[in-house]
Amino acid sequence: MLASINSLFAFLGWHELKVKSIKLQKQIYCPEEKELTKSEYARLCRTAERNHNERLNLILQTICGTGIRVSELQFITVEAVKQGEAVVNCKAKTRSVFIVKELQKKLLRYAQSHGIKTGCIFITRTGKPISRTNIWREMKNLCLEAKVSPAKVFPHNLRHLFARVFYGIEKDIAKLADILGHSSINTTRIYIITTGTEHRRRMENMRLII
C-alpha cells in the first residue's frame, strides 16, 4: 500500500510526502506464554476425563492427533473412522486425514456407547454437529483445574501442537503443509515456530563458547 501511495506522490511531484518502508524481520520464535506443551495438553485431556466429559476429551485428542481445524470436526464421521481416513473439504480444497488406530478404537467405542451409528460423531443432544463456540467454552472451563493458562487454551493451538510434534519427528515441512492443508509453506512455518526457551537451549547445546 505504501508503494502505491509513494508512486502517486511521485507522479504528482509531492516527493516530500513519500515515506520509507520499514522492513520487519519475521518472528523467529513463539512467545512462551502462548505455546501449548504436550504435558499441558495431557493435563487438559485428563481433566476432561475426570469431569466425565468424554466428548470434549475425544475432541481434544482428535484435533491434536490429526491436525485438523475445529471446523473440520464435522468430517469425522462413523464411516470415516471405520475406514481410518476422513476426506476433508475446506477452503475449496480436498485432502485426506488419517486417523490412527488408537484414536479409531476410542472414537468407535464412543459412537457405539452413545448410539451414533452414522454421520458426524461429535454432535449435540439434538443431533447437530457441535459448534466451535461450545468447544471453545468447554475448553476454557478446563483451564483452572488443569492448571493451564487460558491464553494457551483454544482449538487452533492443538493444531499447532500437532504441527510442532510432527515436524520434530519428520523434519519435512512440505509433507506437513500437505497434511495441514496449507497451499503455502510460509503458512506452515508459522505453525512450527518454537519458544525462545527452545532456541536458547539449542544455542547452549552448540557449545561454541570456549
N, C-alpha and C. Protein backbone atom coordinates (compact mmCIF):
# COMPACT_ATOMS: atom_id res chain seq x y z
N MET A 1 0.83 -1.20 0.00
CA MET A 1 0.00 0.00 0.00
C MET A 1 0.87 1.26 0.00
N LEU A 2 1.94 1.20 0.79
CA LEU A 2 2.85 2.34 0.82
C LEU A 2 3.50 2.57 -0.54
N ALA A 3 3.84 1.49 -1.22
CA ALA A 3 4.46 1.61 -2.54
C ALA A 3 3.52 2.29 -3.52
N SER A 4 2.23 1.97 -3.45
CA SER A 4 1.24 2.58 -4.34
C SER A 4 1.09 4.06 -4.07
N ILE A 5 1.04 4.41 -2.76
CA ILE A 5 0.90 5.82 -2.40
C ILE A 5 2.14 6.61 -2.79
N ASN A 6 3.32 6.01 -2.58
CA ASN A 6 4.56 6.67 -2.97
C ASN A 6 4.61 6.93 -4.47
N SER A 7 4.11 5.98 -5.25
CA SER A 7 4.07 6.15 -6.71
C SER A 7 3.16 7.31 -7.09
N LEU A 8 2.03 7.41 -6.40
CA LEU A 8 1.10 8.52 -6.66
C LEU A 8 1.76 9.86 -6.32
N PHE A 9 2.41 9.91 -5.14
CA PHE A 9 3.07 11.15 -4.74
C PHE A 9 4.17 11.53 -5.73
N ALA A 10 4.90 10.56 -6.23
CA ALA A 10 5.96 10.83 -7.20
C ALA A 10 5.36 11.39 -8.49
N PHE A 11 4.23 10.81 -8.91
CA PHE A 11 3.54 11.27 -10.13
C PHE A 11 3.07 12.71 -9.97
N LEU A 12 2.59 13.04 -8.76
CA LEU A 12 2.08 14.39 -8.50
C LEU A 12 3.20 15.38 -8.16
N GLY A 13 4.42 14.87 -8.01
CA GLY A 13 5.54 15.75 -7.70
C GLY A 13 5.64 16.07 -6.22
N TRP A 14 4.92 15.31 -5.39
CA TRP A 14 4.94 15.57 -3.95
C TRP A 14 6.01 14.69 -3.29
N HIS A 15 7.24 14.86 -3.69
CA HIS A 15 8.31 13.98 -3.23
C HIS A 15 8.56 14.06 -1.73
N GLU A 16 8.26 15.24 -1.14
CA GLU A 16 8.50 15.40 0.30
C GLU A 16 7.53 14.58 1.15
N LEU A 17 6.45 14.12 0.54
CA LEU A 17 5.47 13.33 1.27
C LEU A 17 5.74 11.83 1.23
N LYS A 18 6.68 11.43 0.39
CA LYS A 18 6.97 9.99 0.27
C LYS A 18 7.56 9.46 1.58
N VAL A 19 7.22 8.25 1.92
CA VAL A 19 7.71 7.64 3.17
C VAL A 19 8.49 6.37 2.85
N LYS A 20 9.39 6.04 3.76
CA LYS A 20 10.19 4.83 3.58
C LYS A 20 9.48 3.64 4.24
N SER A 21 9.60 2.49 3.61
CA SER A 21 9.06 1.27 4.19
C SER A 21 10.01 0.75 5.25
N ILE A 22 9.46 0.23 6.31
CA ILE A 22 10.27 -0.36 7.37
C ILE A 22 10.19 -1.88 7.22
N LYS A 23 11.33 -2.51 7.07
CA LYS A 23 11.36 -3.96 6.94
C LYS A 23 11.46 -4.60 8.32
N LEU A 24 10.50 -5.43 8.61
CA LEU A 24 10.48 -6.12 9.90
C LEU A 24 10.92 -7.56 9.72
N GLN A 25 11.84 -8.02 10.56
CA GLN A 25 12.28 -9.41 10.49
C GLN A 25 11.15 -10.32 10.95
N LYS A 26 10.99 -11.45 10.28
CA LYS A 26 9.97 -12.40 10.68
C LYS A 26 10.24 -12.90 12.09
N GLN A 27 9.16 -13.12 12.82
CA GLN A 27 9.30 -13.63 14.18
C GLN A 27 9.93 -15.02 14.15
N ILE A 28 11.00 -15.21 14.90
CA ILE A 28 11.71 -16.49 14.82
C ILE A 28 11.34 -17.42 15.96
N TYR A 29 10.62 -16.92 16.96
CA TYR A 29 10.17 -17.82 18.00
C TYR A 29 8.81 -17.37 18.55
N CYS A 30 8.14 -18.32 19.13
CA CYS A 30 6.80 -18.09 19.66
C CYS A 30 6.90 -17.68 21.14
N PRO A 31 6.13 -16.68 21.58
CA PRO A 31 6.14 -16.32 23.00
C PRO A 31 5.76 -17.54 23.84
N GLU A 32 6.55 -17.79 24.88
CA GLU A 32 6.35 -18.99 25.68
C GLU A 32 4.97 -19.03 26.33
N GLU A 33 4.42 -17.84 26.63
CA GLU A 33 3.12 -17.80 27.31
C GLU A 33 1.96 -18.20 26.39
N LYS A 34 2.26 -18.39 25.10
CA LYS A 34 1.19 -18.76 24.16
C LYS A 34 1.34 -20.18 23.61
N GLU A 35 2.48 -20.83 23.85
CA GLU A 35 2.71 -22.15 23.28
C GLU A 35 2.21 -23.25 24.21
N LEU A 36 1.29 -24.05 23.71
CA LEU A 36 0.76 -25.17 24.47
C LEU A 36 1.74 -26.34 24.38
N THR A 37 2.11 -26.89 25.52
CA THR A 37 3.07 -28.00 25.55
C THR A 37 2.31 -29.34 25.57
N LYS A 38 3.05 -30.42 25.32
CA LYS A 38 2.44 -31.75 25.35
C LYS A 38 1.92 -32.08 26.75
N SER A 39 2.67 -31.70 27.76
CA SER A 39 2.24 -32.01 29.14
C SER A 39 0.98 -31.24 29.50
N GLU A 40 0.87 -30.00 29.02
CA GLU A 40 -0.34 -29.21 29.30
C GLU A 40 -1.53 -29.79 28.55
N TYR A 41 -1.30 -30.22 27.33
CA TYR A 41 -2.35 -30.88 26.54
C TYR A 41 -2.84 -32.14 27.26
N ALA A 42 -1.90 -32.92 27.78
CA ALA A 42 -2.26 -34.14 28.51
C ALA A 42 -3.09 -33.82 29.75
N ARG A 43 -2.73 -32.73 30.44
CA ARG A 43 -3.48 -32.33 31.64
C ARG A 43 -4.91 -31.93 31.27
N LEU A 44 -5.07 -31.26 30.14
CA LEU A 44 -6.41 -30.87 29.69
C LEU A 44 -7.27 -32.10 29.40
N CYS A 45 -6.67 -33.09 28.74
CA CYS A 45 -7.40 -34.33 28.42
C CYS A 45 -7.79 -35.07 29.69
N ARG A 46 -6.85 -35.17 30.64
CA ARG A 46 -7.12 -35.89 31.88
C ARG A 46 -8.19 -35.17 32.70
N THR A 47 -8.16 -33.84 32.67
CA THR A 47 -9.16 -33.06 33.40
C THR A 47 -10.55 -33.27 32.81
N ALA A 48 -10.65 -33.27 31.49
CA ALA A 48 -11.93 -33.52 30.82
C ALA A 48 -12.44 -34.92 31.18
N GLU A 49 -11.52 -35.86 31.27
CA GLU A 49 -11.90 -37.24 31.62
C GLU A 49 -12.40 -37.32 33.06
N ARG A 50 -11.68 -36.64 33.96
CA ARG A 50 -12.10 -36.64 35.37
C ARG A 50 -13.48 -36.01 35.54
N ASN A 51 -13.77 -35.02 34.70
CA ASN A 51 -15.05 -34.33 34.76
C ASN A 51 -16.15 -35.07 34.00
N HIS A 52 -15.82 -36.28 33.55
CA HIS A 52 -16.76 -37.13 32.82
C HIS A 52 -17.26 -36.47 31.53
N ASN A 53 -16.42 -35.65 30.93
CA ASN A 53 -16.75 -35.02 29.64
C ASN A 53 -15.99 -35.78 28.55
N GLU A 54 -16.51 -36.98 28.25
CA GLU A 54 -15.83 -37.84 27.29
C GLU A 54 -15.78 -37.22 25.89
N ARG A 55 -16.84 -36.53 25.54
CA ARG A 55 -16.88 -35.91 24.21
C ARG A 55 -15.76 -34.89 24.05
N LEU A 56 -15.59 -34.01 25.04
CA LEU A 56 -14.54 -33.00 24.96
C LEU A 56 -13.16 -33.64 24.97
N ASN A 57 -12.98 -34.66 25.80
CA ASN A 57 -11.70 -35.37 25.85
C ASN A 57 -11.33 -35.90 24.46
N LEU A 58 -12.30 -36.49 23.76
CA LEU A 58 -12.04 -37.04 22.43
C LEU A 58 -11.89 -35.95 21.37
N ILE A 59 -12.57 -34.84 21.55
CA ILE A 59 -12.40 -33.72 20.62
C ILE A 59 -10.97 -33.20 20.69
N LEU A 60 -10.47 -33.04 21.92
CA LEU A 60 -9.08 -32.60 22.10
C LEU A 60 -8.12 -33.55 21.42
N GLN A 61 -8.31 -34.84 21.64
CA GLN A 61 -7.41 -35.85 21.08
C GLN A 61 -7.55 -35.97 19.56
N THR A 62 -8.75 -35.74 19.06
CA THR A 62 -8.96 -35.83 17.61
C THR A 62 -8.30 -34.67 16.88
N ILE A 63 -8.45 -33.46 17.39
CA ILE A 63 -7.82 -32.30 16.76
C ILE A 63 -6.30 -32.42 16.86
N CYS A 64 -5.82 -32.75 18.05
CA CYS A 64 -4.37 -32.81 18.26
C CYS A 64 -3.75 -34.03 17.60
N GLY A 65 -4.52 -35.11 17.46
CA GLY A 65 -3.98 -36.34 16.88
C GLY A 65 -4.05 -36.41 15.37
N THR A 66 -4.80 -35.48 14.76
CA THR A 66 -4.92 -35.47 13.30
C THR A 66 -4.45 -34.16 12.67
N GLY A 67 -4.44 -33.08 13.47
CA GLY A 67 -4.03 -31.78 12.94
C GLY A 67 -5.13 -31.04 12.20
N ILE A 68 -6.39 -31.51 12.34
CA ILE A 68 -7.48 -30.85 11.62
C ILE A 68 -7.87 -29.54 12.29
N ARG A 69 -8.59 -28.71 11.54
CA ARG A 69 -9.16 -27.48 12.09
C ARG A 69 -10.42 -27.85 12.86
N VAL A 70 -10.81 -27.01 13.81
CA VAL A 70 -12.01 -27.29 14.59
C VAL A 70 -13.23 -27.33 13.67
N SER A 71 -13.23 -26.54 12.61
CA SER A 71 -14.36 -26.52 11.67
C SER A 71 -14.44 -27.81 10.87
N GLU A 72 -13.37 -28.61 10.89
CA GLU A 72 -13.33 -29.84 10.11
C GLU A 72 -13.77 -31.07 10.91
N LEU A 73 -14.14 -30.86 12.18
CA LEU A 73 -14.60 -31.97 13.00
C LEU A 73 -15.84 -32.64 12.42
N GLN A 74 -16.61 -31.89 11.64
CA GLN A 74 -17.83 -32.44 11.05
C GLN A 74 -17.53 -33.59 10.09
N PHE A 75 -16.28 -33.64 9.59
CA PHE A 75 -15.90 -34.70 8.65
C PHE A 75 -15.43 -35.97 9.37
N ILE A 76 -15.35 -35.89 10.70
CA ILE A 76 -15.00 -37.09 11.48
C ILE A 76 -16.31 -37.83 11.72
N THR A 77 -16.66 -38.67 10.79
CA THR A 77 -17.92 -39.42 10.85
C THR A 77 -17.64 -40.87 11.23
N VAL A 78 -18.71 -41.59 11.55
CA VAL A 78 -18.59 -43.01 11.87
C VAL A 78 -17.96 -43.76 10.70
N GLU A 79 -18.43 -43.42 9.49
CA GLU A 79 -17.92 -44.08 8.28
C GLU A 79 -16.43 -43.80 8.09
N ALA A 80 -16.02 -42.55 8.30
CA ALA A 80 -14.62 -42.17 8.12
C ALA A 80 -13.73 -42.86 9.13
N VAL A 81 -14.22 -42.94 10.37
CA VAL A 81 -13.42 -43.57 11.43
C VAL A 81 -13.24 -45.06 11.14
N LYS A 82 -14.28 -45.70 10.66
CA LYS A 82 -14.18 -47.13 10.33
C LYS A 82 -13.13 -47.38 9.24
N GLN A 83 -13.03 -46.43 8.30
CA GLN A 83 -12.05 -46.54 7.22
C GLN A 83 -10.65 -46.11 7.66
N GLY A 84 -10.60 -45.38 8.76
CA GLY A 84 -9.31 -44.87 9.24
C GLY A 84 -8.84 -43.67 8.46
N GLU A 85 -9.76 -43.04 7.74
CA GLU A 85 -9.40 -41.90 6.90
C GLU A 85 -10.63 -41.03 6.64
N ALA A 86 -10.47 -39.72 6.88
CA ALA A 86 -11.56 -38.77 6.62
C ALA A 86 -11.20 -37.91 5.42
N VAL A 87 -12.17 -37.69 4.55
CA VAL A 87 -11.96 -36.80 3.40
C VAL A 87 -12.52 -35.44 3.79
N VAL A 88 -11.63 -34.46 3.88
CA VAL A 88 -11.99 -33.13 4.37
C VAL A 88 -12.08 -32.14 3.21
N ASN A 89 -13.20 -31.43 3.15
CA ASN A 89 -13.38 -30.38 2.16
C ASN A 89 -13.37 -29.05 2.88
N CYS A 90 -12.36 -28.24 2.63
CA CYS A 90 -12.24 -26.95 3.31
C CYS A 90 -11.51 -25.96 2.42
N LYS A 91 -12.05 -24.76 2.35
CA LYS A 91 -11.43 -23.68 1.57
C LYS A 91 -11.20 -24.11 0.12
N ALA A 92 -12.22 -24.72 -0.47
CA ALA A 92 -12.20 -25.15 -1.87
C ALA A 92 -11.11 -26.18 -2.16
N LYS A 93 -10.65 -26.87 -1.11
CA LYS A 93 -9.64 -27.90 -1.28
C LYS A 93 -10.10 -29.19 -0.59
N THR A 94 -9.67 -30.30 -1.15
CA THR A 94 -10.00 -31.60 -0.56
C THR A 94 -8.71 -32.32 -0.20
N ARG A 95 -8.67 -32.89 1.01
CA ARG A 95 -7.50 -33.66 1.42
C ARG A 95 -7.93 -34.82 2.29
N SER A 96 -7.08 -35.80 2.40
CA SER A 96 -7.35 -36.96 3.25
C SER A 96 -6.66 -36.78 4.60
N VAL A 97 -7.38 -37.11 5.64
CA VAL A 97 -6.85 -37.03 7.00
C VAL A 97 -6.86 -38.43 7.59
N PHE A 98 -5.70 -38.92 7.97
CA PHE A 98 -5.61 -40.27 8.53
C PHE A 98 -5.93 -40.27 10.03
N ILE A 99 -6.59 -41.32 10.45
CA ILE A 99 -6.97 -41.49 11.85
C ILE A 99 -6.24 -42.72 12.39
N VAL A 100 -5.34 -42.49 13.33
CA VAL A 100 -4.52 -43.60 13.84
C VAL A 100 -5.38 -44.62 14.57
N LYS A 101 -4.89 -45.85 14.67
CA LYS A 101 -5.68 -46.96 15.20
C LYS A 101 -6.19 -46.72 16.61
N GLU A 102 -5.32 -46.17 17.47
CA GLU A 102 -5.73 -45.95 18.86
C GLU A 102 -6.90 -44.98 18.93
N LEU A 103 -6.85 -43.92 18.10
CA LEU A 103 -7.94 -42.94 18.06
C LEU A 103 -9.19 -43.58 17.44
N GLN A 104 -8.99 -44.42 16.43
CA GLN A 104 -10.10 -45.16 15.82
C GLN A 104 -10.89 -45.92 16.87
N LYS A 105 -10.16 -46.69 17.68
CA LYS A 105 -10.81 -47.51 18.72
C LYS A 105 -11.61 -46.65 19.68
N LYS A 106 -11.02 -45.55 20.12
CA LYS A 106 -11.69 -44.68 21.08
C LYS A 106 -12.95 -44.07 20.49
N LEU A 107 -12.85 -43.60 19.24
CA LEU A 107 -13.99 -42.94 18.60
C LEU A 107 -15.13 -43.92 18.32
N LEU A 108 -14.79 -45.12 17.88
CA LEU A 108 -15.82 -46.12 17.60
C LEU A 108 -16.50 -46.59 18.89
N ARG A 109 -15.70 -46.71 19.95
CA ARG A 109 -16.26 -47.10 21.25
C ARG A 109 -17.22 -46.01 21.75
N TYR A 110 -16.81 -44.75 21.56
CA TYR A 110 -17.65 -43.62 21.97
C TYR A 110 -18.95 -43.60 21.18
N ALA A 111 -18.83 -43.76 19.85
CA ALA A 111 -20.02 -43.73 18.99
C ALA A 111 -20.99 -44.85 19.36
N GLN A 112 -20.46 -46.03 19.63
CA GLN A 112 -21.31 -47.17 19.99
C GLN A 112 -22.03 -46.94 21.32
N SER A 113 -21.29 -46.41 22.29
CA SER A 113 -21.89 -46.20 23.62
C SER A 113 -22.94 -45.10 23.62
N HIS A 114 -22.88 -44.20 22.63
CA HIS A 114 -23.84 -43.10 22.55
C HIS A 114 -24.87 -43.31 21.44
N GLY A 115 -24.89 -44.51 20.86
CA GLY A 115 -25.89 -44.83 19.85
C GLY A 115 -25.75 -44.06 18.55
N ILE A 116 -24.51 -43.65 18.25
CA ILE A 116 -24.26 -42.91 17.00
C ILE A 116 -23.83 -43.94 15.94
N LYS A 117 -24.73 -44.25 15.04
CA LYS A 117 -24.47 -45.31 14.08
C LYS A 117 -23.98 -44.80 12.72
N THR A 118 -24.23 -43.53 12.44
CA THR A 118 -23.82 -42.97 11.15
C THR A 118 -23.63 -41.46 11.28
N GLY A 119 -22.88 -40.89 10.33
CA GLY A 119 -22.68 -39.45 10.32
C GLY A 119 -21.69 -38.94 11.34
N CYS A 120 -21.76 -37.63 11.58
CA CYS A 120 -20.82 -36.94 12.47
C CYS A 120 -20.83 -37.53 13.88
N ILE A 121 -19.66 -37.71 14.44
CA ILE A 121 -19.54 -38.31 15.78
C ILE A 121 -19.74 -37.27 16.88
N PHE A 122 -19.20 -36.07 16.68
CA PHE A 122 -19.28 -35.05 17.74
C PHE A 122 -20.52 -34.19 17.53
N ILE A 123 -21.60 -34.60 18.18
CA ILE A 123 -22.89 -33.93 18.00
C ILE A 123 -23.47 -33.50 19.35
N THR A 124 -24.45 -32.61 19.26
CA THR A 124 -25.16 -32.15 20.45
C THR A 124 -26.33 -33.10 20.74
N ARG A 125 -27.08 -32.79 21.76
CA ARG A 125 -28.23 -33.63 22.12
C ARG A 125 -29.28 -33.65 21.02
N THR A 126 -29.33 -32.59 20.23
CA THR A 126 -30.31 -32.50 19.15
C THR A 126 -29.81 -33.18 17.87
N GLY A 127 -28.56 -33.69 17.90
CA GLY A 127 -28.03 -34.39 16.74
C GLY A 127 -27.27 -33.52 15.76
N LYS A 128 -27.10 -32.23 16.10
CA LYS A 128 -26.36 -31.32 15.22
C LYS A 128 -24.87 -31.35 15.58
N PRO A 129 -23.98 -31.10 14.60
CA PRO A 129 -22.54 -31.04 14.91
C PRO A 129 -22.27 -29.97 15.96
N ILE A 130 -21.44 -30.28 16.93
CA ILE A 130 -21.12 -29.32 17.99
C ILE A 130 -20.42 -28.10 17.40
N SER A 131 -20.77 -26.93 17.88
CA SER A 131 -20.22 -25.69 17.33
C SER A 131 -18.87 -25.36 17.94
N ARG A 132 -18.09 -24.57 17.22
CA ARG A 132 -16.77 -24.16 17.74
C ARG A 132 -16.93 -23.33 19.01
N THR A 133 -18.04 -22.59 19.12
CA THR A 133 -18.27 -21.77 20.32
C THR A 133 -18.40 -22.65 21.56
N ASN A 134 -19.14 -23.74 21.43
CA ASN A 134 -19.30 -24.67 22.55
C ASN A 134 -17.97 -25.33 22.91
N ILE A 135 -17.21 -25.71 21.89
CA ILE A 135 -15.91 -26.34 22.13
C ILE A 135 -14.98 -25.37 22.84
N TRP A 136 -14.95 -24.14 22.35
CA TRP A 136 -14.11 -23.09 22.95
C TRP A 136 -14.46 -22.91 24.42
N ARG A 137 -15.75 -22.79 24.71
CA ARG A 137 -16.19 -22.56 26.09
C ARG A 137 -15.84 -23.74 26.99
N GLU A 138 -16.08 -24.96 26.51
CA GLU A 138 -15.78 -26.14 27.31
C GLU A 138 -14.28 -26.27 27.57
N MET A 139 -13.47 -25.92 26.58
CA MET A 139 -12.02 -25.96 26.76
C MET A 139 -11.57 -24.96 27.82
N LYS A 140 -12.11 -23.75 27.76
CA LYS A 140 -11.74 -22.72 28.73
C LYS A 140 -12.10 -23.13 30.15
N ASN A 141 -13.19 -23.89 30.28
CA ASN A 141 -13.62 -24.33 31.61
C ASN A 141 -12.67 -25.33 32.25
N LEU A 142 -11.77 -25.90 31.45
CA LEU A 142 -10.79 -26.86 31.97
C LEU A 142 -9.57 -26.19 32.59
N CYS A 143 -9.33 -24.94 32.20
CA CYS A 143 -8.04 -24.28 32.49
C CYS A 143 -7.66 -24.27 33.97
N LEU A 144 -8.57 -23.84 34.82
CA LEU A 144 -8.24 -23.69 36.23
C LEU A 144 -7.85 -25.02 36.86
N GLU A 145 -8.68 -26.03 36.65
CA GLU A 145 -8.41 -27.34 37.25
C GLU A 145 -7.16 -28.00 36.63
N ALA A 146 -6.96 -27.80 35.33
CA ALA A 146 -5.81 -28.40 34.65
C ALA A 146 -4.52 -27.61 34.87
N LYS A 147 -4.66 -26.43 35.47
CA LYS A 147 -3.52 -25.54 35.73
C LYS A 147 -2.78 -25.19 34.43
N VAL A 148 -3.57 -24.77 33.45
CA VAL A 148 -3.02 -24.33 32.17
C VAL A 148 -3.54 -22.92 31.91
N SER A 149 -2.67 -22.03 31.47
CA SER A 149 -3.07 -20.65 31.21
C SER A 149 -4.16 -20.59 30.14
N PRO A 150 -5.25 -19.85 30.41
CA PRO A 150 -6.33 -19.72 29.43
C PRO A 150 -5.86 -19.17 28.09
N ALA A 151 -4.75 -18.39 28.11
CA ALA A 151 -4.22 -17.81 26.87
C ALA A 151 -3.73 -18.89 25.90
N LYS A 152 -3.45 -20.08 26.44
CA LYS A 152 -2.94 -21.17 25.60
C LYS A 152 -4.04 -22.12 25.13
N VAL A 153 -5.21 -21.98 25.72
CA VAL A 153 -6.25 -22.99 25.51
C VAL A 153 -7.31 -22.52 24.52
N PHE A 154 -7.15 -22.95 23.29
CA PHE A 154 -8.14 -22.73 22.24
C PHE A 154 -7.89 -23.80 21.16
N PRO A 155 -8.92 -24.18 20.41
CA PRO A 155 -8.79 -25.32 19.48
C PRO A 155 -7.62 -25.24 18.52
N HIS A 156 -7.34 -24.06 17.96
CA HIS A 156 -6.29 -23.97 16.94
C HIS A 156 -4.91 -24.24 17.51
N ASN A 157 -4.74 -24.05 18.83
CA ASN A 157 -3.44 -24.30 19.44
C ASN A 157 -3.13 -25.80 19.47
N LEU A 158 -4.17 -26.63 19.44
CA LEU A 158 -3.96 -28.08 19.36
C LEU A 158 -3.40 -28.44 18.00
N ARG A 159 -3.86 -27.74 16.98
CA ARG A 159 -3.35 -27.94 15.61
C ARG A 159 -1.88 -27.54 15.53
N HIS A 160 -1.54 -26.46 16.21
CA HIS A 160 -0.14 -26.02 16.26
C HIS A 160 0.73 -27.05 16.96
N LEU A 161 0.21 -27.63 18.03
CA LEU A 161 0.97 -28.65 18.77
C LEU A 161 1.21 -29.86 17.88
N PHE A 162 0.19 -30.29 17.14
CA PHE A 162 0.36 -31.40 16.20
C PHE A 162 1.47 -31.08 15.21
N ALA A 163 1.47 -29.86 14.67
CA ALA A 163 2.46 -29.46 13.66
C ALA A 163 3.87 -29.49 14.23
N ARG A 164 4.06 -28.99 15.46
CA ARG A 164 5.40 -28.95 16.05
C ARG A 164 5.92 -30.35 16.33
N VAL A 165 5.04 -31.22 16.86
CA VAL A 165 5.46 -32.58 17.18
C VAL A 165 5.79 -33.34 15.90
N PHE A 166 4.95 -33.20 14.87
CA PHE A 166 5.19 -33.89 13.60
C PHE A 166 6.51 -33.44 12.99
N TYR A 167 6.72 -32.13 12.97
CA TYR A 167 7.95 -31.60 12.37
C TYR A 167 9.18 -32.02 13.18
N GLY A 168 9.02 -32.09 14.50
CA GLY A 168 10.13 -32.51 15.34
C GLY A 168 10.58 -33.93 15.04
N ILE A 169 9.65 -34.76 14.56
CA ILE A 169 9.98 -36.15 14.22
C ILE A 169 10.42 -36.28 12.77
N GLU A 170 9.65 -35.70 11.86
CA GLU A 170 9.87 -35.91 10.42
C GLU A 170 10.84 -34.91 9.78
N LYS A 171 10.86 -33.68 10.29
CA LYS A 171 11.68 -32.60 9.70
C LYS A 171 11.36 -32.39 8.21
N ASP A 172 10.09 -32.57 7.86
CA ASP A 172 9.67 -32.43 6.46
C ASP A 172 8.54 -31.42 6.41
N ILE A 173 8.87 -30.16 6.11
CA ILE A 173 7.87 -29.09 6.13
C ILE A 173 6.90 -29.20 4.97
N ALA A 174 7.35 -29.75 3.83
CA ALA A 174 6.46 -29.90 2.67
C ALA A 174 5.37 -30.92 2.96
N LYS A 175 5.75 -32.03 3.58
CA LYS A 175 4.78 -33.07 3.94
C LYS A 175 3.80 -32.52 4.98
N LEU A 176 4.32 -31.76 5.93
CA LEU A 176 3.47 -31.18 6.96
C LEU A 176 2.46 -30.22 6.35
N ALA A 177 2.90 -29.43 5.37
CA ALA A 177 2.00 -28.49 4.69
C ALA A 177 0.85 -29.24 4.03
N ASP A 178 1.15 -30.38 3.43
CA ASP A 178 0.11 -31.20 2.79
C ASP A 178 -0.88 -31.72 3.82
N ILE A 179 -0.35 -32.20 4.95
CA ILE A 179 -1.21 -32.76 5.99
C ILE A 179 -2.13 -31.69 6.57
N LEU A 180 -1.60 -30.49 6.77
CA LEU A 180 -2.39 -29.41 7.36
C LEU A 180 -3.32 -28.75 6.35
N GLY A 181 -3.10 -29.02 5.06
CA GLY A 181 -3.94 -28.41 4.04
C GLY A 181 -3.54 -27.00 3.70
N HIS A 182 -2.25 -26.68 3.85
CA HIS A 182 -1.75 -25.35 3.52
C HIS A 182 -1.32 -25.29 2.05
N SER A 183 -1.66 -24.21 1.38
CA SER A 183 -1.22 -24.05 0.00
C SER A 183 0.16 -23.40 -0.06
N SER A 184 0.56 -22.79 1.05
CA SER A 184 1.87 -22.14 1.11
C SER A 184 2.67 -22.66 2.30
N ILE A 185 3.94 -22.99 2.04
CA ILE A 185 4.82 -23.45 3.12
C ILE A 185 5.08 -22.33 4.11
N ASN A 186 4.98 -21.08 3.66
CA ASN A 186 5.20 -19.95 4.57
C ASN A 186 4.17 -19.96 5.71
N THR A 187 2.96 -20.42 5.41
CA THR A 187 1.95 -20.54 6.46
C THR A 187 2.35 -21.63 7.44
N THR A 188 2.86 -22.73 6.92
CA THR A 188 3.27 -23.86 7.76
C THR A 188 4.40 -23.46 8.68
N ARG A 189 5.30 -22.60 8.21
CA ARG A 189 6.43 -22.16 9.04
C ARG A 189 5.95 -21.51 10.33
N ILE A 190 4.83 -20.80 10.27
CA ILE A 190 4.29 -20.14 11.45
C ILE A 190 3.92 -21.17 12.51
N TYR A 191 3.46 -22.34 12.05
CA TYR A 191 3.00 -23.38 12.96
C TYR A 191 4.14 -24.05 13.71
N ILE A 192 5.32 -24.05 13.15
CA ILE A 192 6.42 -24.82 13.78
C ILE A 192 7.42 -23.93 14.51
N ILE A 193 7.07 -22.66 14.68
CA ILE A 193 7.93 -21.76 15.46
C ILE A 193 7.95 -22.24 16.91
N THR A 194 9.12 -22.39 17.46
CA THR A 194 9.25 -22.83 18.85
C THR A 194 9.44 -21.62 19.77
N THR A 195 9.49 -21.87 21.07
CA THR A 195 9.64 -20.78 22.02
C THR A 195 11.08 -20.30 22.08
N GLY A 196 11.27 -19.12 22.68
CA GLY A 196 12.61 -18.59 22.88
C GLY A 196 13.43 -19.50 23.77
N THR A 197 12.76 -20.18 24.72
CA THR A 197 13.45 -21.11 25.61
C THR A 197 14.09 -22.24 24.81
N GLU A 198 13.34 -22.74 23.83
CA GLU A 198 13.86 -23.82 22.99
C GLU A 198 15.04 -23.34 22.17
N HIS A 199 14.96 -22.11 21.66
CA HIS A 199 16.08 -21.54 20.90
C HIS A 199 17.32 -21.42 21.78
N ARG A 200 17.13 -20.93 23.00
CA ARG A 200 18.26 -20.78 23.90
C ARG A 200 18.89 -22.14 24.23
N ARG A 201 18.04 -23.15 24.44
CA ARG A 201 18.55 -24.49 24.76
C ARG A 201 19.41 -25.03 23.62
N ARG A 202 18.95 -24.83 22.39
CA ARG A 202 19.71 -25.30 21.23
C ARG A 202 21.04 -24.56 21.10
N MET A 203 21.01 -23.25 21.40
CA MET A 203 22.27 -22.48 21.34
C MET A 203 23.26 -22.94 22.41
N GLU A 204 22.72 -23.28 23.59
CA GLU A 204 23.58 -23.80 24.67
C GLU A 204 24.22 -25.11 24.24
N ASN A 205 23.43 -25.95 23.55
CA ASN A 205 23.94 -27.25 23.10
C ASN A 205 25.00 -27.15 22.01
N MET A 206 25.09 -25.98 21.37
CA MET A 206 26.11 -25.80 20.33
C MET A 206 27.51 -25.73 20.95
N ARG A 207 27.61 -25.29 22.20
CA ARG A 207 28.87 -25.22 22.96
C ARG A 207 29.98 -24.54 22.16
N LEU A 208 29.68 -23.35 21.67
CA LEU A 208 30.66 -22.61 20.88
C LEU A 208 31.44 -21.58 21.71
N ILE A 209 31.08 -21.45 22.98
CA ILE A 209 31.82 -20.54 23.86
C ILE A 209 32.90 -21.33 24.56
N ILE A 210 34.15 -21.01 24.29
CA ILE A 210 35.30 -21.76 24.81
C ILE A 210 35.55 -21.42 26.28
